[in-house]
Protein backbone atom coordinates (compact mmCIF):
# COMPACT_ATOMS: atom_id res chain seq x y z
CA MET A 1 0.00 0.00 0.00
CA ALA A 2 1.22 3.46 -0.80
CA SER A 3 2.09 5.84 2.01
CA ARG A 4 1.39 9.52 1.96
CA ILE A 5 1.77 12.47 4.27
CA ALA A 6 -1.25 14.44 5.43
CA ARG A 7 -0.84 18.00 6.66
CA ILE A 8 -3.27 18.79 9.42
CA ALA A 9 -3.83 22.38 10.46
CA THR A 10 -5.10 23.39 13.85
CA LEU A 11 -6.43 26.89 14.38
CA THR A 12 -6.24 28.46 17.79
CA PRO A 13 -7.27 32.00 18.68
CA ARG A 14 -3.66 33.18 18.55
CA SER A 15 -1.93 30.95 16.06
CA LEU A 16 -2.04 28.46 13.27
CA THR A 17 -0.09 25.29 13.84
CA THR A 18 0.42 22.41 11.46
CA ARG A 19 1.55 18.88 12.04
CA THR A 20 2.44 16.08 9.72
CA MET A 21 0.92 12.63 10.10
CA ALA A 22 1.89 9.63 8.04
CA THR A 23 -1.13 7.95 6.51
CA LYS A 24 -1.49 4.92 4.29
CA SER A 25 -4.05 4.58 1.58
CA VAL A 26 -6.50 1.79 2.20
CA GLY A 27 -7.37 -0.67 -0.51
CA GLY A 28 -10.80 -2.13 -0.87
CA ARG A 29 -13.85 -1.53 1.23
CA PRO A 30 -14.47 -1.70 4.95
CA ALA A 31 -15.11 -5.20 6.24
CA THR A 32 -18.68 -6.43 6.41
CA LEU A 33 -19.23 -7.20 10.08
CA ASP A 34 -22.15 -8.94 11.70
CA GLY A 35 -23.46 -7.31 14.87
CA GLY A 36 -21.75 -9.77 17.21
CA ARG A 37 -18.28 -9.41 15.69
CA TYR A 38 -18.63 -5.62 15.51
CA MET A 39 -19.49 -5.48 19.23
CA ARG A 40 -16.52 -7.74 20.13
CA LEU A 41 -14.11 -5.62 18.08
CA ALA A 42 -15.44 -2.26 19.24
CA THR A 43 -15.70 -3.27 22.90
CA SER A 44 -12.23 -4.85 22.86
CA SER A 45 -10.83 -1.69 21.25
CA LEU A 46 -12.28 0.56 23.95
CA ASN A 47 -11.13 -1.86 26.65
CA LEU A 48 -7.60 -1.88 25.22
CA VAL A 49 -7.42 1.94 25.18
CA LEU A 50 -8.71 2.06 28.77
CA ARG A 51 -6.16 -0.51 29.99
CA ARG A 52 -3.25 1.27 28.31
CA LEU A 53 -4.35 4.68 29.63
CA GLU A 54 -4.65 3.25 33.14
CA ARG A 55 -1.10 1.92 32.81
CA CYS A 56 0.14 5.38 31.81
CA GLY A 57 -1.70 6.91 34.77
CA GLU A 58 -0.15 4.42 37.18
CA ASP A 59 3.32 5.14 35.80
CA GLY A 60 2.77 8.90 36.14
CA ARG A 61 3.70 9.47 32.49
CA GLY A 62 2.53 12.61 30.73
CA GLU A 63 -0.23 15.06 31.53
CA GLU A 64 -2.76 14.12 34.21
CA PHE A 65 -6.07 12.85 32.90
CA ASP A 66 -9.32 11.20 33.95
CA VAL A 67 -10.79 8.38 31.91
CA ASP A 68 -14.28 6.93 32.08
CA LEU A 69 -15.80 4.12 30.03
CA SER A 70 -19.51 3.43 30.30
CA ASP A 71 -21.95 1.82 27.87
CA GLY A 72 -19.55 2.02 24.94
CA VAL A 73 -18.61 5.67 25.45
CA MET A 74 -15.14 6.66 26.65
CA ASN A 75 -14.32 10.15 27.89
CA VAL A 76 -10.68 11.12 28.39
CA VAL A 77 -10.36 14.53 30.07
CA PHE A 78 -6.91 16.07 30.34
CA GLY A 79 -6.47 17.95 33.61
CA GLY A 80 -4.12 20.67 32.46
CA THR A 81 -6.45 21.93 29.76
CA GLY A 82 -9.78 20.25 30.43
CA GLU A 83 -9.78 19.16 26.79
CA THR A 84 -11.84 16.03 26.23
CA TYR A 85 -11.57 13.14 23.83
CA VAL A 86 -14.74 11.12 23.29
CA ILE A 87 -14.41 7.67 21.70
CA ASN A 88 -17.57 5.67 21.24
CA ARG A 89 -19.16 2.71 19.53
CA GLN A 90 -21.75 3.38 16.85
CA PRO A 91 -23.52 0.01 16.36
CA PRO A 92 -25.99 1.19 13.67
CA SER A 93 -23.13 2.18 11.34
CA LYS A 94 -20.63 -0.37 12.79
CA GLN A 95 -18.08 2.40 13.31
CA ILE A 96 -16.07 3.91 16.12
CA TRP A 97 -16.48 7.66 16.39
CA LEU A 98 -13.84 9.98 17.80
CA SER A 99 -14.18 13.57 18.90
CA SER A 100 -10.69 15.02 19.39
CA PRO A 101 -9.84 18.55 20.57
CA VAL A 102 -6.82 18.37 18.24
CA SER A 103 -8.01 16.77 15.01
CA GLY A 104 -11.79 17.15 15.33
CA PRO A 105 -14.48 14.54 14.68
CA LYS A 106 -13.76 11.37 12.73
CA ARG A 107 -15.69 8.17 11.97
CA PHE A 108 -13.60 5.00 11.73
CA ASP A 109 -14.57 1.92 9.74
CA PHE A 110 -13.08 -1.52 10.34
CA TYR A 111 -10.68 -2.96 7.75
CA GLU A 112 -9.45 -6.55 8.12
CA GLY A 113 -5.76 -6.58 9.04
CA GLU A 114 -5.70 -2.77 9.41
CA GLY A 115 -8.03 -2.05 12.32
CA TRP A 116 -10.10 1.14 12.57
CA VAL A 117 -9.46 3.48 9.62
CA TYR A 118 -10.80 6.94 8.77
CA THR A 119 -11.68 6.20 5.16
CA LYS A 120 -11.43 9.81 3.92
CA ASP A 121 -7.66 10.04 4.46
CA GLY A 122 -6.45 6.59 5.63
CA THR A 123 -5.67 7.67 9.19
CA ARG A 124 -5.58 4.75 11.64
CA LEU A 125 -7.26 5.30 15.01
CA LYS A 126 -4.24 3.68 16.69
CA ALA A 127 -1.72 6.03 15.05
CA LEU A 128 -3.87 9.12 15.59
CA LEU A 129 -4.35 8.55 19.33
CA GLU A 130 -0.71 7.56 19.90
CA GLU A 131 0.54 10.64 18.06
CA GLU A 132 -1.83 13.18 19.59
CA TRP A 133 -1.38 11.84 23.11
CA ARG A 134 2.41 11.67 22.74
CA ASP A 135 2.91 15.06 21.06
CA LYS A 136 0.28 17.11 22.90
CA ARG A 137 0.04 15.29 26.23
CA GLY A 138 3.44 13.68 26.77
CA LEU A 139 1.94 10.19 27.08
CA SER A 140 4.15 7.37 25.87
CA ILE A 141 1.31 5.02 25.00
CA ASP A 142 1.44 1.88 22.87
CA LEU A 143 -1.93 0.86 21.43
CA GLU A 144 -0.62 -2.21 19.61
CA GLY A 145 -3.52 -4.55 18.85
CA LEU A 146 -6.12 -1.78 18.66
CA GLY A 147 -8.79 -2.91 16.22
CA ILE A 148 -7.12 -6.27 15.75
CA LEU A 149 -7.74 -8.04 19.05
CA GLU A 150 -11.29 -9.22 19.72
CA ASP A 151 -10.90 -10.53 23.24
CA VAL A 152 -9.65 -7.68 25.47
CA GLU A 153 -11.59 -7.93 28.71
CA LEU A 154 -11.67 -5.64 31.71
CA ASP A 155 -10.89 -7.14 35.10
């Protein structure tokens, strides 16, 4: 698959900042998922993000944050700024939706072997969260397996 670079601009009241994110084009169409597999993938994805964030919080890495996961909706609120990420399941469309204070709203479809992908530009949910949380929040988080593993449970 071909790689490309996407330039993402963020406007703030006082400045314009740009960042570069590597994206890969996605071949084919999103996977056709039955309701049960979608729920396993989406729930496991949210569980994985929660577990990895909890690990970062325990290690004291990066900016302080609060994370809550309830009924398929995750809120991650960063203490220094109060900025909130919302990541949630969307069973009717079989997507994961993200609302990011950095990159805005995105709807991710599932691609076999790729995980959750924003079809418009090829951005992977895994790469987007890792990059934004590392660059803007100082979190060294590894979301390996996001959108691939179907069996991530919470204790």
